Protein backbone atom coordinates (compact mmCIF):
# COMPACT_ATOMS: atom_id res chain seq x y z
CA MET A 1 -22.52 -31.19 -10.97
CA ASP A 2 -21.73 -27.86 -12.45
CA ARG A 3 -17.89 -27.55 -13.05
CA MET A 4 -17.75 -24.11 -11.67
CA VAL A 5 -19.49 -25.27 -8.43
CA GLY A 6 -17.09 -28.23 -8.22
CA THR A 7 -14.03 -26.03 -8.64
CA GLY A 8 -15.35 -23.74 -5.80
CA LEU A 9 -15.84 -26.72 -3.48
CA VAL A 10 -12.16 -27.76 -4.23
CA LEU A 11 -10.90 -24.21 -3.37
CA MET A 12 -13.02 -24.15 -0.21
CA ALA A 13 -11.60 -27.48 0.89
CA VAL A 14 -8.03 -26.37 0.35
CA ALA A 15 -8.71 -23.20 2.25
CA SER A 16 -10.27 -25.13 5.19
CA SER A 17 -7.37 -27.59 5.35
CA ILE A 18 -4.98 -24.52 5.89
CA VAL A 19 -7.18 -22.41 8.13
CA TYR A 20 -8.10 -25.04 10.67
CA ALA A 21 -4.65 -25.34 12.25
CA GLY A 22 -5.89 -27.53 15.15
CA ARG A 23 -6.27 -30.40 12.74
CA GLY A 24 -2.78 -30.08 11.32
CA LEU A 25 -0.31 -32.87 10.90
CA ALA A 26 2.84 -30.80 10.34
CA PRO A 27 5.68 -31.64 12.89
CA GLU A 28 5.96 -29.08 15.70
CA SER A 29 9.46 -28.03 14.58
CA ALA A 30 8.11 -26.92 11.20
CA ARG A 31 5.52 -24.55 12.70
CA ARG A 32 6.25 -20.88 13.21
CA PRO A 33 5.33 -19.16 16.65
CA THR A 34 1.70 -18.52 17.48
CA GLY A 35 0.27 -15.53 15.59
CA PHE A 36 1.82 -16.32 12.25
CA PRO A 37 0.03 -18.01 9.32
CA GLN A 38 1.16 -21.70 8.97
CA LEU A 39 0.58 -24.67 6.76
CA VAL A 40 -0.18 -27.46 9.06
CA SER A 41 -1.53 -30.23 6.70
CA VAL A 42 -2.24 -31.13 3.16
CA GLU A 43 -4.90 -33.69 2.44
CA PRO A 44 -6.00 -35.33 -0.99
CA LEU A 45 -9.49 -34.16 -2.06
CA GLU A 46 -12.29 -36.25 -3.32
CA MET A 47 -13.58 -34.98 -6.65
CA CYS A 48 -17.27 -35.20 -7.82
CA GLY A 49 -17.88 -38.18 -10.01
CA SER A 50 -19.15 -36.07 -12.94
CA LEU A 51 -15.80 -34.29 -13.09
CA SER A 52 -13.00 -36.10 -14.93
CA PRO A 53 -9.89 -34.11 -14.19
CA PRO A 54 -6.53 -35.43 -15.19
CA ALA A 55 -4.51 -37.33 -12.44
CA PRO A 56 -4.09 -34.66 -9.75
CA VAL A 57 -0.75 -33.61 -8.28
CA LEU A 58 -0.96 -33.49 -4.62
CA LEU A 59 -0.38 -30.03 -3.03
CA ARG A 60 2.32 -31.55 -0.79
CA ALA A 61 4.13 -32.93 -3.74
CA ALA A 62 3.78 -29.76 -5.65
CA PHE A 63 5.52 -27.88 -2.99
CA GLN A 64 8.38 -30.42 -3.10
CA GLN A 65 8.83 -30.35 -6.82
CA GLU A 66 11.81 -28.41 -8.24
CA PRO A 67 10.57 -25.59 -10.48
CA THR A 68 11.12 -25.90 -14.17
CA LYS A 69 13.26 -23.42 -16.13
CA THR A 70 10.10 -22.26 -17.74
CA ALA A 71 8.40 -21.72 -14.53
CA ILE A 72 11.34 -19.72 -13.23
CA ALA A 73 11.37 -17.59 -16.33
CA ARG A 74 7.64 -16.93 -15.87
CA THR A 75 7.74 -16.05 -12.19
CA SER A 76 10.96 -13.96 -12.20
CA ARG A 77 9.99 -11.40 -14.73
CA THR A 78 10.52 -7.78 -13.66
CA LEU A 79 8.01 -5.16 -14.71
CA GLU A 80 9.26 -1.55 -14.74
CA ARG A 81 5.96 0.03 -15.19
CA ALA A 82 5.28 3.71 -14.18
CA PRO A 83 2.15 4.25 -11.90
CA LEU A 84 -0.95 5.72 -13.47
CA ARG A 85 -0.98 8.29 -10.61
CA THR A 86 0.52 8.71 -7.09
CA ILE A 87 -1.11 9.94 -3.94
CA ARG A 88 1.63 11.91 -2.14
CA ASP A 89 2.01 15.08 -0.29
CA SER A 90 4.86 17.05 -1.79
CA PHE A 91 4.87 19.71 0.87
CA PRO A 92 6.43 19.70 4.43
CA THR A 93 4.18 18.87 7.37
CA TYR A 94 5.29 20.39 10.63
CA SER A 95 5.18 17.96 13.55
CA ALA A 96 7.07 19.71 16.26
CA VAL A 97 8.50 23.29 16.84
CA ALA A 98 10.98 24.96 19.08
CA VAL A 99 12.27 28.57 19.32
CA ASP A 100 15.98 29.32 19.46
CA VAL A 101 15.39 32.53 21.50
CA ALA A 102 19.10 33.52 21.67
CA ASN A 103 19.52 33.38 17.90
CA ASN A 104 16.02 34.66 16.93
CA GLU A 105 15.11 31.48 14.96
CA ILE A 106 12.13 29.11 14.76
CA VAL A 107 13.02 25.43 14.20
CA LEU A 108 10.42 23.09 12.74
CA GLN A 109 10.35 19.32 12.29
CA ASP A 110 9.06 18.20 8.83
CA GLU A 111 7.78 14.67 9.41
CA ASN A 112 6.50 14.22 5.84
CA LEU A 113 9.87 14.85 3.94
CA PHE A 114 12.15 13.95 6.82
CA GLN A 115 13.72 17.40 7.23
CA ILE A 116 14.46 19.94 9.93
CA MET A 117 13.69 23.49 8.77
CA VAL A 118 15.06 26.75 10.34
CA TYR A 119 13.26 30.11 9.79
CA ASP A 120 13.75 33.69 11.08
CA ARG A 121 11.64 34.03 14.24
CA THR A 122 9.71 36.94 12.67
CA ALA A 123 9.07 35.27 9.36
CA ASN A 124 5.54 35.79 8.07
CA THR A 125 4.22 34.27 4.79
CA PRO A 126 1.95 36.78 2.86
CA PRO A 127 -1.43 35.32 1.89
CA THR A 128 -0.48 35.73 -1.81
CA ALA A 129 2.77 33.81 -1.37
CA ARG A 130 3.02 30.07 -2.02
CA LEU A 131 5.35 29.50 0.78
CA THR A 132 8.30 30.90 2.83
CA GLU A 133 11.82 29.48 2.06
CA PRO A 134 13.64 28.33 5.19
CA LYS A 135 17.12 29.83 6.04
CA ARG A 136 18.56 26.28 6.48
CA VAL A 137 17.35 22.71 5.97
CA ILE A 138 18.80 19.59 7.40
CA GLY A 139 17.81 16.47 5.56
CA GLY A 140 19.06 13.39 3.66
CA HIS A 141 20.27 9.92 4.26
CA ASP A 142 23.34 10.83 6.36
CA THR A 143 21.34 12.94 8.81
CA LYS A 144 19.50 9.94 10.34
CA VAL A 145 16.27 11.94 10.31
CA GLU A 146 13.11 9.88 9.55
CA PHE A 147 9.62 10.24 11.02
CA ASN A 148 11.08 13.08 13.03
CA CYS A 149 8.47 14.17 15.70
CA GLY A 150 10.17 15.60 18.72
CA LEU A 151 12.45 18.66 19.09
CA TYR A 152 14.57 20.37 21.61
CA ILE A 153 16.96 23.38 21.27
CA ASP A 154 19.78 23.80 23.79
CA PRO A 155 19.25 27.28 25.12
CA LYS A 156 23.16 27.99 25.35
CA THR A 157 24.68 26.21 22.27
CA GLY A 158 21.60 26.24 19.95
CA ASP A 159 22.24 22.44 19.30
CA ILE A 160 19.21 20.74 17.77
CA TYR A 161 17.87 17.45 19.29
CA SER A 162 15.74 15.57 16.83
CA VAL A 163 13.62 12.61 17.90
CA ASN A 164 12.87 9.82 15.32
CA ASN A 165 9.68 7.89 16.10
CA ASP A 166 9.06 4.92 13.71
CA THR A 167 12.09 3.60 11.90
CA LEU A 168 15.58 4.66 12.94
CA ASP A 169 15.24 4.42 16.80
CA THR A 170 17.76 7.23 16.96
CA LEU A 171 18.02 10.62 18.65
CA SER A 172 20.09 12.80 16.27
CA ILE A 173 21.90 15.90 17.64
CA PHE A 174 23.18 18.63 15.28
CA SER A 175 25.05 21.89 15.93
CA ARG A 176 23.12 25.03 15.39
CA LYS A 177 24.46 25.95 11.93
CA ALA A 178 24.22 22.43 10.47
CA SER A 179 22.77 22.33 6.97
CA GLY A 180 22.08 19.90 4.13
CA ASN A 181 22.78 16.15 4.24
CA VAL A 182 25.24 16.19 7.12
CA ARG A 183 25.91 13.48 9.73
CA PRO A 184 24.77 14.27 13.22
CA ASP A 185 27.37 15.53 15.72
CA ARG A 186 26.10 12.80 18.11
CA THR A 187 23.44 9.99 18.18
CA LEU A 188 21.70 8.06 20.93
CA HIS A 189 19.96 4.76 20.40
CA THR A 190 16.40 5.12 21.63
CA PRO A 191 13.60 2.63 22.25
CA HIS A 192 11.28 2.01 19.28
CA GLY A 193 8.31 4.36 19.34
CA THR A 194 10.06 7.25 21.11
CA TYR A 195 8.07 10.53 20.68
CA GLY A 196 8.41 13.37 23.21
CA ILE A 197 11.45 15.10 24.50
CA ALA A 198 12.20 17.49 27.47
CA VAL A 199 15.59 18.40 29.12
CA ASN A 200 16.24 19.48 32.64
CA GLU A 201 19.24 21.79 32.16
CA GLU A 202 19.80 22.09 35.90
CA THR A 203 20.52 18.35 36.33
CA GLN A 204 21.52 17.77 32.75
CA GLU A 205 19.07 15.07 32.24
CA LEU A 206 17.11 14.10 29.07
CA TYR A 207 13.49 12.89 29.25
CA LEU A 208 11.89 10.77 26.43
CA THR A 209 8.51 9.21 26.21
CA VAL A 210 8.13 5.86 24.47
CA GLN A 211 4.76 5.01 22.96
CA HIS A 212 5.03 1.26 22.49
CA GLN A 213 6.70 0.71 25.90
CA ASN A 214 4.28 3.00 27.78
CA ALA A 215 7.31 4.44 29.57
CA VAL A 216 9.52 7.52 30.26
CA VAL A 217 13.28 6.93 29.89
CA VAL A 218 15.78 9.32 31.46
CA HIS A 219 19.27 9.73 30.05
CA ARG A 220 22.27 11.99 30.66
CA LYS A 221 21.79 14.94 28.44
CA MET A 222 25.16 14.17 26.71
CA ALA A 223 24.45 10.36 26.32
CA GLN A 224 25.35 8.87 23.06
CA GLY A 225 25.58 5.50 21.26
CA GLN A 226 24.09 2.47 23.11
CA GLU A 227 24.32 4.15 26.52
CA LYS A 228 21.69 2.93 28.90
CA PRO A 229 19.17 5.20 30.75
CA LEU A 230 19.74 6.44 34.25
CA ARG A 231 16.14 5.39 35.07
CA VAL A 232 12.95 4.32 33.64
CA LEU A 233 9.35 5.22 34.63
CA GLU A 234 7.27 2.07 33.68
CA GLY A 235 4.74 -0.32 35.22
CA SER A 236 1.18 -1.27 35.89
CA HIS A 237 0.74 1.58 38.50
CA VAL A 238 2.40 4.28 36.34
CA GLY A 239 -0.77 4.64 34.29
CA LEU A 240 0.92 5.69 31.06
CA ALA A 241 -1.19 4.89 27.96
CA ASP A 242 0.49 5.58 24.61
CA PRO A 243 2.48 8.60 25.99
CA HIS A 244 3.23 11.50 23.58
CA GLY A 245 4.19 14.95 24.86
CA ILE A 246 6.36 15.55 27.95
CA GLY A 247 7.13 18.71 29.92
CA ILE A 248 9.02 19.39 33.07
CA ASP A 249 8.54 21.90 35.90
CA THR A 250 11.79 22.35 37.82
CA LYS A 251 10.30 25.00 40.04
CA ASN A 252 7.74 22.52 41.51
CA GLN A 253 9.72 19.35 40.63
CA LEU A 254 7.02 17.92 38.45
CA LEU A 255 6.82 15.85 35.30
CA PHE A 256 3.87 16.16 32.85
CA VAL A 257 3.03 13.45 30.39
CA ALA A 258 0.27 13.41 27.67
CA ASN A 259 -1.44 10.16 26.97
CA TYR A 260 -3.43 9.22 23.90
CA GLY A 261 -5.17 6.44 25.80
CA ASN A 262 -3.93 3.15 24.41
CA ALA A 263 -3.11 1.18 27.46
CA LYS A 264 -1.56 -2.30 27.96
CA ASN A 265 0.51 -4.34 30.39
CA ASN A 266 3.77 -4.97 28.61
CA LYS A 267 4.28 -8.29 30.42
CA LEU A 268 0.85 -9.53 29.77
CA PRO A 269 0.06 -10.30 25.99
CA GLY A 270 -3.44 -9.38 24.99
CA SER A 271 -4.02 -6.94 27.77
CA GLY A 272 -4.47 -3.96 25.46
CA THR A 273 -7.38 -1.67 26.13
CA PHE A 274 -8.49 2.01 25.52
CA VAL A 275 -8.63 4.56 28.36
CA PRO A 276 -9.59 8.24 28.17
CA PRO A 277 -6.76 10.55 27.11
CA SER A 278 -5.02 12.28 30.00
CA ILE A 279 -2.11 14.40 31.37
CA ASN A 280 -0.42 12.49 34.08
CA VAL A 281 1.69 14.35 36.76
CA TYR A 282 4.65 12.61 38.48
CA PRO A 283 7.54 13.68 40.81
CA LEU A 284 10.28 14.89 38.51
CA LYS A 285 12.60 12.13 39.76
CA ALA A 286 10.06 9.37 39.57
CA SER A 287 11.24 5.91 38.38
CA GLY A 288 10.00 2.43 38.34
CA ASP A 289 6.42 1.70 39.00
CA THR A 290 5.54 4.98 40.53
CA PRO A 291 1.89 6.02 40.28
CA PRO A 292 0.95 9.66 39.28
CA LEU A 293 0.46 12.34 41.84
CA ARG A 294 -2.69 13.29 39.96
CA VAL A 295 -4.34 12.97 36.50
CA ILE A 296 -6.03 15.50 34.36
CA THR A 297 -8.72 13.55 32.46
CA GLY A 298 -12.45 13.62 31.68
CA PRO A 299 -15.03 15.11 29.25
CA GLN A 300 -14.58 18.60 30.62
CA THR A 301 -10.87 18.65 29.83
CA GLN A 302 -11.63 18.39 25.95
CA LEU A 303 -8.42 16.23 25.60
CA ASN A 304 -8.43 14.40 22.34
CA TRP A 305 -5.11 13.03 21.07
CA PRO A 306 -2.97 15.27 23.19
CA ALA A 307 0.41 15.54 21.48
CA HIS A 308 3.23 17.77 22.62
CA VAL A 309 3.01 19.80 25.81
CA TYR A 310 4.83 22.79 27.13
CA VAL A 311 5.15 23.79 30.74
CA ASP A 312 5.32 27.54 31.27
CA GLN A 313 6.89 27.72 34.72
CA GLN A 314 6.75 31.53 34.90
CA HIS A 315 2.92 31.59 34.65
CA GLY A 316 2.25 28.12 36.17
CA GLU A 317 0.53 26.84 33.03
CA VAL A 318 0.60 23.71 30.81
CA PHE A 319 -0.04 24.07 27.16
CA VAL A 320 -1.32 21.07 25.25
CA ALA A 321 -1.40 20.67 21.42
CA ASN A 322 -4.77 18.94 21.10
CA ASP A 323 -4.55 17.28 17.76
CA GLY A 324 -7.92 15.56 17.58
CA GLU A 325 -9.78 18.69 18.37
CA ASN A 326 -7.81 21.34 16.36
CA SER A 327 -7.20 23.26 19.49
CA ILE A 328 -4.71 24.44 22.09
CA LEU A 329 -5.69 23.79 25.72
CA VAL A 330 -4.16 25.53 28.68
CA PHE A 331 -4.35 24.15 32.22
CA ARG A 332 -2.91 25.18 35.53
CA VAL A 333 0.08 23.20 36.78
CA THR A 334 -2.04 22.43 39.95
CA ASP A 335 -5.10 21.08 38.02
CA LYS A 336 -6.41 17.52 38.50
CA GLY A 337 -9.38 15.44 37.62
CA ASP A 338 -12.18 16.41 35.14
CA VAL A 339 -11.30 20.03 35.10
CA ALA A 340 -12.08 22.49 32.24
CA PRO A 341 -9.14 24.35 30.61
CA THR A 342 -8.50 27.92 31.69
CA ARG A 343 -8.19 28.80 28.02
CA VAL A 344 -9.00 27.09 24.74
CA LEU A 345 -7.56 28.46 21.45
CA LYS A 346 -9.78 27.12 18.71
CA GLY A 347 -11.72 28.25 15.69
CA ALA A 348 -11.65 29.01 12.00
CA LYS A 349 -9.71 32.21 12.50
CA THR A 350 -7.02 30.60 14.51
CA GLN A 351 -5.96 28.52 11.32
CA ILE A 352 -5.13 25.70 13.75
CA LYS A 353 -5.37 22.34 12.02
CA ASN A 354 -4.22 19.07 13.75
CA PRO A 355 -1.73 20.77 15.97
CA THR A 356 1.00 18.49 17.31
CA GLY A 357 3.83 20.87 18.19
CA ILE A 358 3.83 23.69 20.67
CA PHE A 359 6.37 26.22 22.23
CA VAL A 360 6.04 29.15 24.46
CA ASP A 361 8.56 31.85 23.88
CA PRO A 362 9.07 33.51 27.25
CA VAL A 363 11.24 36.38 25.94
CA HIS A 364 8.77 37.66 23.37
CA ASP A 365 5.67 36.35 25.24
CA GLU A 366 4.39 34.38 22.20
CA LEU A 367 2.97 30.89 21.53
CA VAL A 368 4.05 28.98 18.49
CA VAL A 369 2.04 26.06 17.15
CA ALA A 370 3.06 23.41 14.50
CA ASN A 371 0.01 22.35 12.52
CA MET A 372 0.35 19.05 10.73
CA GLY A 373 -3.02 19.48 8.95
CA ASN A 374 -2.28 22.48 6.82
CA HIS A 375 1.54 22.84 6.28
CA SER A 376 1.80 25.81 8.64
CA ALA A 377 3.32 27.14 11.91
CA THR A 378 1.19 29.82 13.59
CA VAL A 379 2.18 32.37 16.15
CA TYR A 380 -0.10 34.05 18.90
CA PRO A 381 0.26 36.20 21.87
CA ARG A 382 0.99 33.84 24.79
CA ALA A 383 -2.44 34.43 26.44
CA ALA A 384 -4.50 34.17 23.20
CA ASP A 385 -7.94 32.65 23.68
CA GLY A 386 -11.00 31.66 21.72
CA ASP A 387 -11.07 32.19 17.95
CA SER A 388 -8.09 34.49 17.79
CA PRO A 389 -6.22 34.85 14.45
CA PRO A 390 -2.43 34.44 14.45
CA VAL A 391 -0.12 37.36 14.38
CA ARG A 392 2.21 35.62 12.04
CA THR A 393 2.13 32.48 9.90
CA ILE A 394 4.94 30.37 8.37
CA ARG A 395 3.61 28.29 5.52
CA ALA A 396 5.34 25.46 3.67
CA GLY A 397 2.61 25.14 1.10
CA PRO A 398 -0.22 27.04 -0.54
CA LEU A 399 -2.69 28.85 1.52
CA GLY A 400 -5.67 26.63 2.58
CA LYS A 401 -4.06 23.53 1.10
CA ALA A 402 -4.85 20.57 3.46
CA ALA A 403 -2.05 18.10 4.19
CA LEU A 404 -2.66 14.54 3.35
CA GLN A 405 -1.12 13.32 6.59
CA ILE A 406 -0.10 9.93 5.03
CA GLY A 407 2.55 8.62 7.38
CA ASN A 408 4.00 5.12 6.99
CA PRO A 409 0.96 3.60 5.41
CA GLY A 410 0.99 -0.15 6.22
CA SER A 411 -1.63 -1.44 3.66
CA VAL A 412 -4.18 -0.07 1.13
CA ALA A 413 -7.80 -1.06 0.23
CA TYR A 414 -10.30 0.06 -2.32
CA ASP A 415 -13.99 0.73 -1.27
CA THR A 416 -16.09 -0.04 -4.25
CA LYS A 417 -19.25 1.27 -2.78
CA ARG A 418 -17.86 4.69 -2.10
CA ASP A 419 -15.23 4.76 -4.80
CA ALA A 420 -12.55 5.56 -2.20
CA ILE A 421 -9.00 4.44 -1.40
CA ILE A 422 -8.40 3.64 2.23
CA THR A 423 -5.01 3.26 3.87
CA PRO A 424 -4.15 3.15 7.68
CA ASN A 425 -1.25 5.03 8.97
């Protein structure tokens, strides 16, 4: 028997003894919970007669042996080697936007570099300019700002509410003039995967969407620390499926939630499934396992990864940042079912690319969009439709430069056929 073939059989045998966990002999107390890799047995292997290897050391015994000093020296070496190259976006990418109408400022979340950036409301980056410098930047370790994706500005005080989505599980609140690497004035512990934010100023209540929990949690607006929510909207009848954006209509006492479409029953492992994206409408005070009053969903809606939403109570409209279609969709607050939007802002002239943040400025009758795909925030007349160009643009990078949109990559692979590097976010 060829030596290479024999070695391959040995490796295959070792692999099979580990993979087939059902045949394991390891005591139950030594095993990890279901879903984790586990070594369940080690068995001696019969070698081919034509091979004359030295006396084998059984794998079990090898595991139990104390490492030698030489082995320790070999395996503990630290290599400080610079990478050949780095794939990284060095420019801010805007994930959310809000307008401080009272102070004439636009505030933008930078989810790429973990910053909050403040600009003059009328700032406009010339086509020949590389970028526009912000008036103030909040960022750094002490700020507790990471993967910041949701934003709210207190209309009276100008306080900035910043939602962290992926790592810190913290809502950070800053005073209006905060700048640099400063500690938040107040923090609130939030569930993992919190994304959208809305505030009912009349009742002083704070609404947050939670992606992984498929829920909406409602707190006192001034809640902090480990304070528990006032109520939670969650359950099999609620119909939330990876909720992102959230908007409230105090005039009609309604709550609007945008869903990507990743559904599951949190009490039933393995129940995950994909459903069409939607905008679900609930009573504003809904809690528990309350079903939606109505749902906007279907092919005619054009919904595709609906991110943040904004409810324009004055005009009875719901604006949706439609990330997957590079568009802004506008529905009536009374819409339901598979209904076409009343307006669609989309096209090359709009400069909209992967929009996730949206805000309607009622004082100046303007629409502001945060584009994660091209390092820009674009401003339009509120009723803009079709392929309409922006009236102003704030850029944080060179004109036309696409954002890499690498956010918390969990692994990496190399496609040899296409000569491409692949990484999931």
